Amino acid sequence: MKYASSQVADSTLLSISEVGAASGLEASALRYYERVGLISSSARLSGRRHYDPSVLGRLAAIRLFQEVGFTIAEIVQLLAPDATAKRWQAMATEKLAQIDEHLTRVAAARELLVAARDCGCATLDSCGLVAGRRGGHREVVRRVTLPPVT
């Protein structure tokens, strides 16, 4: 339940500093999450935000989503009141595809770096791996560029 302003002390509510200490987040991050709609304070006591203890579970979910690569905008969609299992599954499937694409690029980059390190050329100017890539900068930039954040 959210209250616009309350002067009634509730011992079950957590202050913003208590939430920060329990979650490892700065107060500024909590205020940002509130501003974008990820969390909401339950009351204002003496002008300060206080949260229901359930906010800690919500913050744990936000952290998990961030760890697997979801943006704040995507997390807002995932945790929206109208979010459905179908939306979650679709977004998870899309994120998995993005991760797989990234892993493919990383593996290719690793193979190329190992080959360049082990090629035995005296200089990079005389290296066949380098010479074969002249003029290919546009293609590399296009492949390496991540998809735009929505």
N, C-alpha and C. Protein backbone atom coordinates (compact mmCIF):
# COMPACT_ATOMS: atom_id res chain seq x y z
N MET A 1 0.84 -1.16 0.00
CA MET A 1 0.00 0.00 0.00
C MET A 1 0.89 1.23 0.00
N LYS A 2 0.59 2.22 -0.79
CA LYS A 2 1.40 3.42 -0.89
C LYS A 2 0.64 4.60 -0.31
N TYR A 3 1.33 5.36 0.50
CA TYR A 3 0.76 6.55 1.11
C TYR A 3 1.49 7.77 0.58
N ALA A 4 0.75 8.81 0.24
CA ALA A 4 1.36 10.02 -0.28
C ALA A 4 2.21 10.68 0.80
N SER A 5 1.70 10.78 1.97
CA SER A 5 2.44 11.38 3.06
C SER A 5 1.82 10.90 4.35
N SER A 6 2.67 10.43 5.23
CA SER A 6 2.15 9.91 6.49
C SER A 6 3.07 10.33 7.61
N GLN A 7 2.51 10.72 8.70
CA GLN A 7 3.29 11.06 9.88
C GLN A 7 3.16 9.98 10.94
N VAL A 8 2.45 8.89 10.62
CA VAL A 8 2.25 7.81 11.57
C VAL A 8 3.43 6.86 11.47
N ALA A 9 4.13 6.67 12.56
CA ALA A 9 5.30 5.78 12.56
C ALA A 9 4.84 4.33 12.46
N ASP A 10 5.48 3.58 11.61
CA ASP A 10 5.18 2.15 11.45
C ASP A 10 6.50 1.42 11.64
N SER A 11 6.63 0.64 12.70
CA SER A 11 7.90 -0.01 13.02
C SER A 11 8.28 -1.08 11.99
N THR A 12 7.35 -1.51 11.16
CA THR A 12 7.69 -2.51 10.15
C THR A 12 8.29 -1.89 8.90
N LEU A 13 8.17 -0.58 8.74
CA LEU A 13 8.72 0.09 7.57
C LEU A 13 10.22 0.30 7.74
N LEU A 14 10.92 0.28 6.62
CA LEU A 14 12.37 0.48 6.61
C LEU A 14 12.69 1.85 6.04
N SER A 15 13.62 2.54 6.67
CA SER A 15 14.06 3.83 6.14
C SER A 15 14.89 3.58 4.88
N ILE A 16 15.11 4.63 4.12
CA ILE A 16 15.89 4.50 2.90
C ILE A 16 17.32 4.04 3.22
N SER A 17 17.85 4.50 4.36
CA SER A 17 19.20 4.06 4.73
C SER A 17 19.23 2.58 5.14
N GLU A 18 18.15 2.11 5.79
CA GLU A 18 18.07 0.69 6.14
C GLU A 18 17.95 -0.17 4.88
N VAL A 19 17.17 0.28 3.90
CA VAL A 19 17.04 -0.46 2.65
C VAL A 19 18.39 -0.46 1.92
N GLY A 20 19.05 0.69 1.93
CA GLY A 20 20.36 0.78 1.30
C GLY A 20 21.36 -0.16 1.93
N ALA A 21 21.38 -0.20 3.26
CA ALA A 21 22.31 -1.09 3.97
C ALA A 21 22.00 -2.56 3.68
N ALA A 22 20.73 -2.90 3.65
CA ALA A 22 20.34 -4.30 3.42
C ALA A 22 20.56 -4.73 1.98
N SER A 23 20.45 -3.79 1.04
CA SER A 23 20.55 -4.15 -0.38
C SER A 23 21.91 -3.85 -1.00
N GLY A 24 22.71 -3.04 -0.31
CA GLY A 24 24.00 -2.65 -0.86
C GLY A 24 23.88 -1.52 -1.88
N LEU A 25 22.73 -0.87 -1.93
CA LEU A 25 22.51 0.21 -2.89
C LEU A 25 22.59 1.57 -2.20
N GLU A 26 23.07 2.54 -2.93
CA GLU A 26 23.09 3.91 -2.44
C GLU A 26 21.67 4.46 -2.44
N ALA A 27 21.42 5.45 -1.59
CA ALA A 27 20.11 6.09 -1.54
C ALA A 27 19.76 6.71 -2.90
N SER A 28 20.76 7.21 -3.61
CA SER A 28 20.49 7.81 -4.92
C SER A 28 19.96 6.78 -5.90
N ALA A 29 20.46 5.54 -5.83
CA ALA A 29 19.95 4.47 -6.69
C ALA A 29 18.51 4.14 -6.33
N LEU A 30 18.21 4.10 -5.05
CA LEU A 30 16.84 3.81 -4.62
C LEU A 30 15.89 4.91 -5.09
N ARG A 31 16.32 6.16 -4.97
CA ARG A 31 15.47 7.26 -5.44
C ARG A 31 15.28 7.18 -6.95
N TYR A 32 16.33 6.79 -7.68
CA TYR A 32 16.22 6.61 -9.14
C TYR A 32 15.23 5.49 -9.46
N TYR A 33 15.35 4.36 -8.78
CA TYR A 33 14.43 3.24 -9.01
C TYR A 33 12.99 3.67 -8.73
N GLU A 34 12.82 4.50 -7.73
CA GLU A 34 11.47 4.99 -7.43
C GLU A 34 10.99 5.93 -8.54
N ARG A 35 11.88 6.79 -9.01
CA ARG A 35 11.51 7.73 -10.06
C ARG A 35 11.09 7.02 -11.35
N VAL A 36 11.75 5.91 -11.71
CA VAL A 36 11.40 5.19 -12.95
C VAL A 36 10.30 4.16 -12.73
N GLY A 37 9.83 4.02 -11.49
CA GLY A 37 8.69 3.15 -11.23
C GLY A 37 9.02 1.72 -10.85
N LEU A 38 10.27 1.42 -10.55
CA LEU A 38 10.63 0.06 -10.18
C LEU A 38 10.25 -0.27 -8.74
N ILE A 39 10.32 0.72 -7.87
CA ILE A 39 9.91 0.53 -6.48
C ILE A 39 9.08 1.74 -6.06
N SER A 40 8.41 1.62 -4.93
CA SER A 40 7.69 2.78 -4.40
C SER A 40 7.80 2.76 -2.88
N SER A 41 7.89 3.94 -2.33
CA SER A 41 7.94 4.03 -0.87
C SER A 41 6.52 3.89 -0.34
N SER A 42 6.41 3.35 0.85
CA SER A 42 5.10 3.14 1.46
C SER A 42 4.63 4.35 2.22
N ALA A 43 5.59 5.14 2.70
CA ALA A 43 5.20 6.29 3.52
C ALA A 43 6.34 7.30 3.54
N ARG A 44 5.96 8.52 3.89
CA ARG A 44 6.93 9.57 4.16
C ARG A 44 6.77 9.92 5.63
N LEU A 45 7.80 9.65 6.39
CA LEU A 45 7.78 9.96 7.81
C LEU A 45 8.79 11.07 8.05
N SER A 46 8.31 12.20 8.55
CA SER A 46 9.15 13.39 8.73
C SER A 46 9.82 13.77 7.42
N GLY A 47 9.11 13.58 6.33
CA GLY A 47 9.62 13.95 5.01
C GLY A 47 10.58 12.96 4.39
N ARG A 48 10.81 11.83 5.04
CA ARG A 48 11.77 10.83 4.52
C ARG A 48 11.05 9.58 4.05
N ARG A 49 11.59 9.01 2.98
CA ARG A 49 11.00 7.79 2.41
C ARG A 49 11.16 6.61 3.36
N HIS A 50 10.11 5.82 3.42
CA HIS A 50 10.15 4.55 4.15
C HIS A 50 9.49 3.48 3.27
N TYR A 51 10.02 2.27 3.35
CA TYR A 51 9.62 1.19 2.45
C TYR A 51 9.12 -0.02 3.24
N ASP A 52 8.19 -0.72 2.63
CA ASP A 52 7.76 -2.00 3.15
C ASP A 52 8.93 -2.97 2.98
N PRO A 53 9.15 -3.87 3.91
CA PRO A 53 10.26 -4.83 3.79
C PRO A 53 10.24 -5.65 2.50
N SER A 54 9.08 -5.79 1.87
CA SER A 54 9.00 -6.55 0.61
C SER A 54 9.82 -5.91 -0.50
N VAL A 55 10.21 -4.64 -0.33
CA VAL A 55 11.02 -3.97 -1.36
C VAL A 55 12.35 -4.69 -1.54
N LEU A 56 12.82 -5.36 -0.48
CA LEU A 56 14.11 -6.07 -0.58
C LEU A 56 14.04 -7.21 -1.60
N GLY A 57 12.92 -7.91 -1.65
CA GLY A 57 12.73 -8.96 -2.66
C GLY A 57 12.69 -8.36 -4.06
N ARG A 58 12.02 -7.24 -4.18
CA ARG A 58 11.93 -6.55 -5.48
C ARG A 58 13.32 -6.10 -5.93
N LEU A 59 14.11 -5.58 -5.01
CA LEU A 59 15.47 -5.15 -5.34
C LEU A 59 16.35 -6.34 -5.73
N ALA A 60 16.12 -7.49 -5.10
CA ALA A 60 16.87 -8.70 -5.47
C ALA A 60 16.52 -9.12 -6.90
N ALA A 61 15.25 -9.02 -7.27
CA ALA A 61 14.84 -9.34 -8.65
C ALA A 61 15.47 -8.36 -9.62
N ILE A 62 15.48 -7.08 -9.29
CA ILE A 62 16.10 -6.08 -10.16
C ILE A 62 17.57 -6.41 -10.36
N ARG A 63 18.26 -6.74 -9.28
CA ARG A 63 19.68 -7.08 -9.38
C ARG A 63 19.90 -8.30 -10.29
N LEU A 64 19.07 -9.32 -10.12
CA LEU A 64 19.20 -10.51 -10.97
C LEU A 64 19.03 -10.13 -12.44
N PHE A 65 17.99 -9.34 -12.74
CA PHE A 65 17.74 -8.93 -14.12
C PHE A 65 18.92 -8.14 -14.67
N GLN A 66 19.51 -7.27 -13.86
CA GLN A 66 20.67 -6.50 -14.31
C GLN A 66 21.87 -7.42 -14.56
N GLU A 67 22.08 -8.39 -13.69
CA GLU A 67 23.21 -9.31 -13.83
C GLU A 67 23.15 -10.10 -15.12
N VAL A 68 21.95 -10.41 -15.60
CA VAL A 68 21.83 -11.19 -16.84
C VAL A 68 21.74 -10.29 -18.07
N GLY A 69 21.83 -8.97 -17.87
CA GLY A 69 21.95 -8.08 -19.01
C GLY A 69 20.73 -7.26 -19.38
N PHE A 70 19.66 -7.31 -18.60
CA PHE A 70 18.50 -6.49 -18.92
C PHE A 70 18.78 -5.04 -18.56
N THR A 71 18.30 -4.13 -19.38
CA THR A 71 18.43 -2.70 -19.11
C THR A 71 17.35 -2.29 -18.12
N ILE A 72 17.49 -1.09 -17.58
CA ILE A 72 16.47 -0.58 -16.66
C ILE A 72 15.11 -0.51 -17.36
N ALA A 73 15.11 -0.03 -18.61
CA ALA A 73 13.85 0.05 -19.36
C ALA A 73 13.21 -1.32 -19.52
N GLU A 74 14.02 -2.34 -19.78
CA GLU A 74 13.49 -3.70 -19.91
C GLU A 74 12.98 -4.21 -18.56
N ILE A 75 13.69 -3.89 -17.49
CA ILE A 75 13.27 -4.33 -16.16
C ILE A 75 11.94 -3.68 -15.79
N VAL A 76 11.77 -2.42 -16.16
CA VAL A 76 10.49 -1.75 -15.92
C VAL A 76 9.37 -2.54 -16.59
N GLN A 77 9.60 -3.00 -17.82
CA GLN A 77 8.58 -3.80 -18.53
C GLN A 77 8.35 -5.14 -17.83
N LEU A 78 9.43 -5.78 -17.39
CA LEU A 78 9.32 -7.09 -16.74
C LEU A 78 8.56 -7.02 -15.42
N LEU A 79 8.71 -5.91 -14.71
CA LEU A 79 8.10 -5.79 -13.39
C LEU A 79 6.84 -4.92 -13.39
N ALA A 80 6.38 -4.55 -14.55
CA ALA A 80 5.16 -3.73 -14.65
C ALA A 80 3.97 -4.50 -14.08
N PRO A 81 3.01 -3.78 -13.53
CA PRO A 81 1.83 -4.46 -12.96
C PRO A 81 1.10 -5.33 -13.98
N ASP A 82 1.17 -4.99 -15.25
CA ASP A 82 0.48 -5.78 -16.27
C ASP A 82 1.40 -6.83 -16.92
N ALA A 83 2.58 -7.06 -16.34
CA ALA A 83 3.52 -8.03 -16.90
C ALA A 83 2.92 -9.44 -16.84
N THR A 84 3.19 -10.20 -17.88
CA THR A 84 2.68 -11.57 -17.95
C THR A 84 3.84 -12.54 -18.10
N ALA A 85 3.56 -13.79 -17.85
CA ALA A 85 4.56 -14.84 -18.05
C ALA A 85 4.98 -14.88 -19.51
N LYS A 86 4.04 -14.63 -20.41
CA LYS A 86 4.34 -14.64 -21.85
C LYS A 86 5.37 -13.54 -22.18
N ARG A 87 5.18 -12.33 -21.59
CA ARG A 87 6.13 -11.24 -21.83
C ARG A 87 7.51 -11.62 -21.29
N TRP A 88 7.55 -12.16 -20.07
CA TRP A 88 8.81 -12.56 -19.47
C TRP A 88 9.53 -13.59 -20.35
N GLN A 89 8.79 -14.59 -20.80
CA GLN A 89 9.40 -15.64 -21.62
C GLN A 89 9.92 -15.08 -22.94
N ALA A 90 9.17 -14.19 -23.56
CA ALA A 90 9.61 -13.58 -24.81
C ALA A 90 10.86 -12.74 -24.60
N MET A 91 10.87 -11.95 -23.53
CA MET A 91 12.03 -11.10 -23.27
C MET A 91 13.25 -11.94 -22.89
N ALA A 92 13.05 -13.01 -22.14
CA ALA A 92 14.15 -13.90 -21.77
C ALA A 92 14.71 -14.59 -23.01
N THR A 93 13.83 -15.02 -23.90
CA THR A 93 14.27 -15.67 -25.15
C THR A 93 15.09 -14.69 -26.00
N GLU A 94 14.62 -13.45 -26.09
CA GLU A 94 15.36 -12.43 -26.85
C GLU A 94 16.72 -12.14 -26.20
N LYS A 95 16.76 -12.05 -24.88
CA LYS A 95 18.02 -11.78 -24.18
C LYS A 95 18.98 -12.95 -24.37
N LEU A 96 18.48 -14.18 -24.33
CA LEU A 96 19.33 -15.34 -24.56
C LEU A 96 19.93 -15.31 -25.97
N ALA A 97 19.16 -14.90 -26.96
CA ALA A 97 19.68 -14.79 -28.33
C ALA A 97 20.77 -13.73 -28.39
N GLN A 98 20.59 -12.61 -27.71
CA GLN A 98 21.60 -11.56 -27.68
C GLN A 98 22.88 -12.06 -27.01
N ILE A 99 22.73 -12.81 -25.92
CA ILE A 99 23.89 -13.36 -25.22
C ILE A 99 24.62 -14.36 -26.12
N ASP A 100 23.86 -15.22 -26.81
CA ASP A 100 24.47 -16.19 -27.72
C ASP A 100 25.25 -15.49 -28.84
N GLU A 101 24.67 -14.42 -29.40
CA GLU A 101 25.37 -13.65 -30.44
C GLU A 101 26.66 -13.05 -29.88
N HIS A 102 26.59 -12.52 -28.68
CA HIS A 102 27.76 -11.93 -28.05
C HIS A 102 28.84 -13.00 -27.82
N LEU A 103 28.44 -14.17 -27.33
CA LEU A 103 29.39 -15.25 -27.10
C LEU A 103 30.06 -15.69 -28.40
N THR A 104 29.31 -15.72 -29.48
CA THR A 104 29.87 -16.08 -30.79
C THR A 104 30.93 -15.06 -31.21
N ARG A 105 30.62 -13.76 -31.02
CA ARG A 105 31.59 -12.71 -31.37
C ARG A 105 32.83 -12.80 -30.48
N VAL A 106 32.64 -13.06 -29.20
CA VAL A 106 33.77 -13.17 -28.28
C VAL A 106 34.65 -14.36 -28.66
N ALA A 107 34.05 -15.48 -28.98
CA ALA A 107 34.82 -16.67 -29.36
C ALA A 107 35.63 -16.40 -30.64
N ALA A 108 35.02 -15.74 -31.61
CA ALA A 108 35.72 -15.41 -32.85
C ALA A 108 36.86 -14.44 -32.57
N ALA A 109 36.63 -13.46 -31.72
CA ALA A 109 37.68 -12.49 -31.37
C ALA A 109 38.83 -13.20 -30.66
N ARG A 110 38.51 -14.14 -29.79
CA ARG A 110 39.55 -14.88 -29.08
C ARG A 110 40.40 -15.70 -30.05
N GLU A 111 39.74 -16.40 -30.95
CA GLU A 111 40.47 -17.19 -31.94
C GLU A 111 41.40 -16.32 -32.77
N LEU A 112 40.91 -15.16 -33.20
CA LEU A 112 41.72 -14.25 -34.01
C LEU A 112 42.90 -13.72 -33.21
N LEU A 113 42.69 -13.37 -31.95
CA LEU A 113 43.78 -12.85 -31.13
C LEU A 113 44.84 -13.91 -30.89
N VAL A 114 44.42 -15.14 -30.63
CA VAL A 114 45.38 -16.23 -30.45
C VAL A 114 46.17 -16.44 -31.74
N ALA A 115 45.49 -16.43 -32.88
CA ALA A 115 46.18 -16.61 -34.17
C ALA A 115 47.16 -15.47 -34.42
N ALA A 116 46.77 -14.23 -34.11
CA ALA A 116 47.66 -13.09 -34.32
C ALA A 116 48.87 -13.17 -33.39
N ARG A 117 48.64 -13.57 -32.15
CA ARG A 117 49.74 -13.69 -31.19
C ARG A 117 50.73 -14.77 -31.61
N ASP A 118 50.20 -15.86 -32.15
CA ASP A 118 51.03 -17.02 -32.46
C ASP A 118 51.49 -17.09 -33.92
N CYS A 119 51.21 -16.06 -34.73
CA CYS A 119 51.50 -16.16 -36.17
C CYS A 119 52.99 -16.15 -36.49
N GLY A 120 53.82 -15.56 -35.66
CA GLY A 120 55.25 -15.59 -35.89
C GLY A 120 55.76 -14.51 -36.81
N CYS A 121 54.94 -13.60 -37.25
CA CYS A 121 55.40 -12.51 -38.11
C CYS A 121 56.31 -11.57 -37.33
N ALA A 122 57.27 -10.99 -38.03
CA ALA A 122 58.22 -10.09 -37.39
C ALA A 122 57.54 -8.80 -36.93
N THR A 123 56.61 -8.28 -37.73
CA THR A 123 55.91 -7.05 -37.36
C THR A 123 54.44 -7.17 -37.77
N LEU A 124 53.61 -6.32 -37.21
CA LEU A 124 52.21 -6.33 -37.60
C LEU A 124 52.04 -5.88 -39.05
N ASP A 125 52.94 -4.98 -39.52
CA ASP A 125 52.84 -4.51 -40.91
C ASP A 125 53.04 -5.63 -41.92
N SER A 126 53.80 -6.66 -41.54
CA SER A 126 54.06 -7.76 -42.47
C SER A 126 53.16 -8.97 -42.20
N CYS A 127 52.28 -8.87 -41.24
CA CYS A 127 51.42 -9.99 -40.85
C CYS A 127 50.28 -10.17 -41.84
N GLY A 128 50.10 -11.38 -42.32
CA GLY A 128 49.03 -11.69 -43.24
C GLY A 128 47.65 -11.50 -42.62
N LEU A 129 47.52 -11.74 -41.32
CA LEU A 129 46.23 -11.53 -40.65
C LEU A 129 45.82 -10.06 -40.69
N VAL A 130 46.82 -9.17 -40.54
CA VAL A 130 46.54 -7.74 -40.59
C VAL A 130 46.26 -7.31 -42.02
N ALA A 131 47.11 -7.74 -42.95
CA ALA A 131 46.96 -7.34 -44.35
C ALA A 131 45.61 -7.75 -44.91
N GLY A 132 45.11 -8.90 -44.50
CA GLY A 132 43.83 -9.38 -44.99
C GLY A 132 42.64 -8.59 -44.49
N ARG A 133 42.89 -7.70 -43.56
CA ARG A 133 41.80 -6.91 -42.99
C ARG A 133 41.84 -5.44 -43.40
N ARG A 134 42.72 -5.08 -44.28
CA ARG A 134 42.77 -3.69 -44.74
C ARG A 134 41.45 -3.31 -45.38
N GLY A 135 40.92 -2.18 -44.96
CA GLY A 135 39.66 -1.71 -45.51
C GLY A 135 38.44 -2.38 -44.91
N GLY A 136 38.63 -3.29 -43.98
CA GLY A 136 37.50 -4.02 -43.40
C GLY A 136 36.97 -3.42 -42.11
N HIS A 137 37.40 -2.21 -41.79
CA HIS A 137 36.97 -1.61 -40.52
C HIS A 137 35.46 -1.44 -40.42
N ARG A 138 34.85 -1.04 -41.52
CA ARG A 138 33.40 -0.83 -41.47
C ARG A 138 32.66 -2.11 -41.12
N GLU A 139 33.10 -3.23 -41.68
CA GLU A 139 32.45 -4.51 -41.41
C GLU A 139 32.64 -4.91 -39.94
N VAL A 140 33.84 -4.72 -39.41
CA VAL A 140 34.10 -5.07 -38.02
C VAL A 140 33.24 -4.22 -37.09
N VAL A 141 33.17 -2.91 -37.35
CA VAL A 141 32.38 -2.03 -36.51
C VAL A 141 30.91 -2.42 -36.58
N ARG A 142 30.45 -2.76 -37.75
CA ARG A 142 29.03 -3.16 -37.91
C ARG A 142 28.76 -4.44 -37.13
N ARG A 143 29.67 -5.41 -37.17
CA ARG A 143 29.48 -6.69 -36.47
C ARG A 143 29.58 -6.55 -34.97
N VAL A 144 30.49 -5.70 -34.50
CA VAL A 144 30.76 -5.60 -33.08
C VAL A 144 29.75 -4.69 -32.38
N THR A 145 29.15 -3.78 -33.09
CA THR A 145 28.20 -2.85 -32.48
C THR A 145 27.01 -3.61 -31.92
N LEU A 146 26.71 -3.33 -30.66
CA LEU A 146 25.59 -3.98 -30.01
C LEU A 146 24.29 -3.39 -30.50
N PRO A 147 23.20 -4.14 -30.42
CA PRO A 147 21.91 -3.62 -30.85
C PRO A 147 21.51 -2.42 -29.98
N PRO A 148 20.74 -1.49 -30.54
CA PRO A 148 20.34 -0.31 -29.75
C PRO A 148 19.49 -0.71 -28.56
N VAL A 149 19.65 0.04 -27.48
CA VAL A 149 18.87 -0.19 -26.26
C VAL A 149 17.49 0.42 -26.47
N THR A 150 16.48 -0.37 -26.15
CA THR A 150 15.09 0.12 -26.31
C THR A 150 14.56 0.64 -25.03
